[in-house]
Amino acid sequence: MLLSSFMVIIVQNSIYSVLFLVLSFVSAASLLLLFECEFIALMFVIIYVGAIAVLFLFIVMMLDIKIVINKKDTLKYFPIGFLIGGLFLLEIFYILTKNFEHNLYNQSVSTNYYLNWYDKLDFFSDIEAVGQVMFTQYVLQFLIAGNILLLATVAVVVLTINTKTETKSQIIFKQISRNHKNVLLVN
């Protein structure tokens, strides 16, 4: 994921950059699957890869962008970018060592290990738990949101219907009675 995110910035071609963005979204979703957050991982794939990245790809493909490769400008800004990036990494390391030295169970960061409390409490998957909450406690709000989306879809269809029922007919007398005075001439 880090490599594909880095390639989004580095690649000169914008279409390749969007494709690396899709790869970073998919790898983030796979990491969330490894952490057993199935619902959030599926939402990543549906929303980010399925909608936003495809929209970016269509926009980039519609634009006529000329690719100009300047090797001399890239090396000119490298030292200051390296300095700023190093400062940010030092700040992040400082914050992590000071604030997350001990957790609630008095374990240090280096000896902290992953313990899935969710498996110990319940045997539902993440999607089943979200489905149970959504269709039991929030069923009224879910139905209202569905009806609003249905109403918006019907409204779009009604607004785009062409209600003109006027049929075109051929008047033969007008066509035959034309002369050179009532004809539009274009030079």
Protein backbone atom coordinates (compact mmCIF):
# COMPACT_ATOMS: atom_id res chain seq x y z
CA MET A 1 0.00 0.00 0.00
CA LEU A 2 2.85 2.36 0.82
CA LEU A 3 4.57 1.62 -2.49
CA SER A 4 1.41 2.21 -4.54
CA SER A 5 0.68 5.43 -2.61
CA PHE A 6 4.21 6.60 -3.29
CA MET A 7 3.81 5.76 -6.99
CA VAL A 8 0.63 7.89 -7.16
CA ILE A 9 2.82 10.91 -6.45
CA ILE A 10 5.90 9.92 -8.45
CA VAL A 11 4.39 8.70 -11.75
CA GLN A 12 4.33 11.33 -14.52
CA ASN A 13 1.41 9.83 -16.47
CA SER A 14 -1.91 10.75 -14.85
CA ILE A 15 -3.71 7.58 -15.97
CA TYR A 16 -1.05 5.42 -14.33
CA SER A 17 -1.36 7.60 -11.24
CA VAL A 18 -5.10 6.89 -11.01
CA LEU A 19 -4.47 3.18 -11.52
CA PHE A 20 -1.93 3.21 -8.67
CA LEU A 21 -4.58 5.01 -6.59
CA VAL A 22 -6.98 2.14 -7.30
CA LEU A 23 -4.25 -0.30 -6.26
CA SER A 24 -3.70 1.57 -2.99
CA PHE A 25 -7.47 1.51 -2.26
CA VAL A 26 -7.61 -2.23 -2.92
CA SER A 27 -4.58 -2.88 -0.73
CA ALA A 28 -6.13 -0.78 2.07
CA ALA A 29 -9.29 -2.86 1.77
CA SER A 30 -7.24 -6.06 1.95
CA LEU A 31 -5.53 -4.80 5.11
CA LEU A 32 -8.94 -4.11 6.62
CA LEU A 33 -9.98 -7.66 5.71
CA LEU A 34 -6.91 -8.94 7.52
CA PHE A 35 -8.00 -6.96 10.59
CA GLU A 36 -11.44 -8.63 10.28
CA CYS A 37 -13.32 -5.42 9.42
CA GLU A 38 -15.25 -6.89 6.52
CA PHE A 39 -17.91 -4.19 6.29
CA ILE A 40 -15.46 -1.30 6.11
CA ALA A 41 -13.32 -3.20 3.60
CA LEU A 42 -16.30 -3.79 1.34
CA MET A 43 -17.31 -0.14 1.65
CA PHE A 44 -13.76 0.84 0.59
CA VAL A 45 -14.05 -1.30 -2.50
CA ILE A 46 -17.57 -0.17 -3.39
CA ILE A 47 -17.19 3.54 -2.68
CA TYR A 48 -13.55 4.32 -3.39
CA VAL A 49 -12.67 1.85 -6.12
CA GLY A 50 -16.11 1.53 -7.64
CA ALA A 51 -17.11 5.17 -7.69
CA ILE A 52 -14.43 7.70 -6.90
CA ALA A 53 -11.47 6.10 -8.66
CA VAL A 54 -13.52 5.31 -11.77
CA LEU A 55 -14.75 8.92 -11.79
CA PHE A 56 -11.14 10.14 -11.56
CA LEU A 57 -10.18 7.80 -14.40
CA PHE A 58 -12.96 9.10 -16.65
CA ILE A 59 -12.03 12.71 -15.90
CA VAL A 60 -8.36 12.10 -16.61
CA MET A 61 -9.18 10.26 -19.82
CA MET A 62 -11.43 13.11 -21.02
CA LEU A 63 -8.78 15.75 -20.39
CA ASP A 64 -6.14 16.22 -23.05
CA ILE A 65 -3.03 16.46 -20.92
CA LYS A 66 0.37 16.74 -22.53
CA ILE A 67 3.09 14.94 -20.59
CA VAL A 68 6.29 16.91 -20.25
CA ILE A 69 9.15 15.21 -18.47
CA ASN A 70 11.59 17.54 -16.72
CA LYS A 71 14.35 15.65 -15.00
CA LYS A 72 16.23 18.80 -13.97
CA ASP A 73 13.35 20.21 -11.89
CA THR A 74 12.88 16.96 -9.98
CA LEU A 75 16.36 16.96 -8.50
CA LYS A 76 16.24 20.67 -7.70
CA TYR A 77 13.51 20.28 -5.05
CA PHE A 78 14.71 16.94 -3.63
CA PRO A 79 16.85 18.29 -0.72
CA ILE A 80 14.15 20.57 0.70
CA GLY A 81 11.50 17.86 0.25
CA PHE A 82 13.75 15.34 1.99
CA LEU A 83 14.30 17.80 4.87
CA ILE A 84 10.58 18.50 5.32
CA GLY A 85 9.70 14.80 5.08
CA GLY A 86 12.37 13.95 7.66
CA LEU A 87 11.02 16.59 10.04
CA PHE A 88 7.50 15.18 9.71
CA LEU A 89 8.76 11.65 10.39
CA LEU A 90 10.65 12.87 13.49
CA GLU A 91 7.50 14.60 14.77
CA ILE A 92 5.41 11.47 14.22
CA PHE A 93 8.01 9.32 15.99
CA TYR A 94 8.12 11.78 18.90
CA ILE A 95 4.33 11.77 19.26
CA LEU A 96 4.15 7.98 19.10
CA THR A 97 6.84 7.45 21.72
CA LYS A 98 5.46 10.02 24.17
CA ASN A 99 1.71 9.41 23.90
CA PHE A 100 1.51 5.68 23.27
CA GLU A 101 4.21 4.47 25.62
CA HIS A 102 1.74 2.60 27.82
CA ASN A 103 -1.75 1.43 27.02
CA LEU A 104 -4.63 0.64 29.38
CA TYR A 105 -3.23 -2.78 30.23
CA ASN A 106 0.22 -1.45 31.24
CA GLN A 107 2.01 -2.97 28.28
CA SER A 108 4.61 -1.05 26.36
CA VAL A 109 4.30 -0.45 22.64
CA SER A 110 7.05 -2.93 21.79
CA THR A 111 5.39 -5.81 23.69
CA ASN A 112 1.83 -4.96 22.65
CA TYR A 113 0.21 -7.72 20.63
CA TYR A 114 -3.08 -8.01 18.78
CA LEU A 115 -5.86 -9.57 20.82
CA ASN A 116 -9.23 -9.80 19.14
CA TRP A 117 -11.75 -9.13 21.90
CA TYR A 118 -14.56 -9.24 19.37
CA ASP A 119 -14.09 -13.00 18.89
CA LYS A 120 -14.18 -13.54 22.63
CA LEU A 121 -17.43 -11.61 23.08
CA ASP A 122 -19.50 -12.53 20.04
CA PHE A 123 -19.38 -14.88 17.11
CA PHE A 124 -21.03 -12.53 14.60
CA SER A 125 -19.09 -11.16 11.70
CA ASP A 126 -18.87 -7.43 11.22
CA ILE A 127 -21.41 -7.41 8.40
CA GLU A 128 -23.91 -9.46 10.43
CA ALA A 129 -23.59 -7.09 13.38
CA VAL A 130 -24.13 -4.00 11.20
CA GLY A 131 -27.09 -5.70 9.50
CA GLN A 132 -28.69 -6.58 12.83
CA VAL A 133 -28.36 -3.03 14.14
CA MET A 134 -29.51 -1.47 10.87
CA PHE A 135 -32.58 -3.69 10.45
CA THR A 136 -33.68 -3.74 14.11
CA GLN A 137 -32.94 -0.42 15.80
CA TYR A 138 -32.75 1.82 12.73
CA VAL A 139 -35.27 0.15 10.43
CA LEU A 140 -37.51 3.24 10.22
CA GLN A 141 -34.61 5.53 9.23
CA PHE A 142 -33.41 2.92 6.74
CA LEU A 143 -36.85 2.73 5.12
CA ILE A 144 -37.17 6.54 5.01
CA ALA A 145 -33.77 6.85 3.33
CA GLY A 146 -34.76 4.16 0.80
CA ASN A 147 -38.02 5.94 0.00
CA ILE A 148 -36.22 9.26 -0.45
CA LEU A 149 -33.79 7.64 -2.89
CA LEU A 150 -36.70 6.00 -4.73
CA LEU A 151 -38.50 9.36 -4.93
CA ALA A 152 -35.34 11.03 -6.27
CA THR A 153 -34.96 8.33 -8.93
CA VAL A 154 -38.59 8.64 -10.03
CA ALA A 155 -38.27 12.45 -10.09
CA VAL A 156 -35.22 12.25 -12.36
CA VAL A 157 -37.04 9.92 -14.73
CA VAL A 158 -40.13 12.15 -14.79
CA LEU A 159 -38.08 15.29 -15.38
CA THR A 160 -36.19 13.77 -18.31
CA ILE A 161 -39.24 12.42 -20.13
CA ASN A 162 -39.85 14.25 -23.37
CA THR A 163 -43.56 15.09 -23.29
CA LYS A 164 -43.72 16.45 -26.82
CA THR A 165 -46.18 14.34 -28.75
CA GLU A 166 -46.20 16.60 -31.77
CA THR A 167 -45.68 14.52 -34.87
CA LYS A 168 -43.99 15.92 -37.90
CA SER A 169 -45.95 15.70 -41.09
CA GLN A 170 -44.98 16.33 -44.65
CA ILE A 171 -46.89 19.05 -46.49
CA ILE A 172 -46.39 18.29 -50.13
CA PHE A 173 -47.95 21.56 -51.39
CA LYS A 174 -45.32 23.66 -49.54
CA GLN A 175 -42.51 21.61 -50.97
CA ILE A 176 -43.76 21.86 -54.52
CA SER A 177 -44.58 25.58 -54.35
CA ARG A 178 -41.01 26.66 -53.49
CA ASN A 179 -39.26 29.07 -55.79
CA HIS A 180 -35.90 30.75 -55.82
CA LYS A 181 -37.12 33.79 -53.78
CA ASN A 182 -38.03 31.89 -50.61
CA VAL A 183 -34.96 29.65 -50.56
CA LEU A 184 -32.10 30.41 -48.18
CA LEU A 185 -28.84 30.55 -50.08
CA VAL A 186 -25.54 30.12 -48.26
CA ASN A 187 -22.35 31.20 -49.99
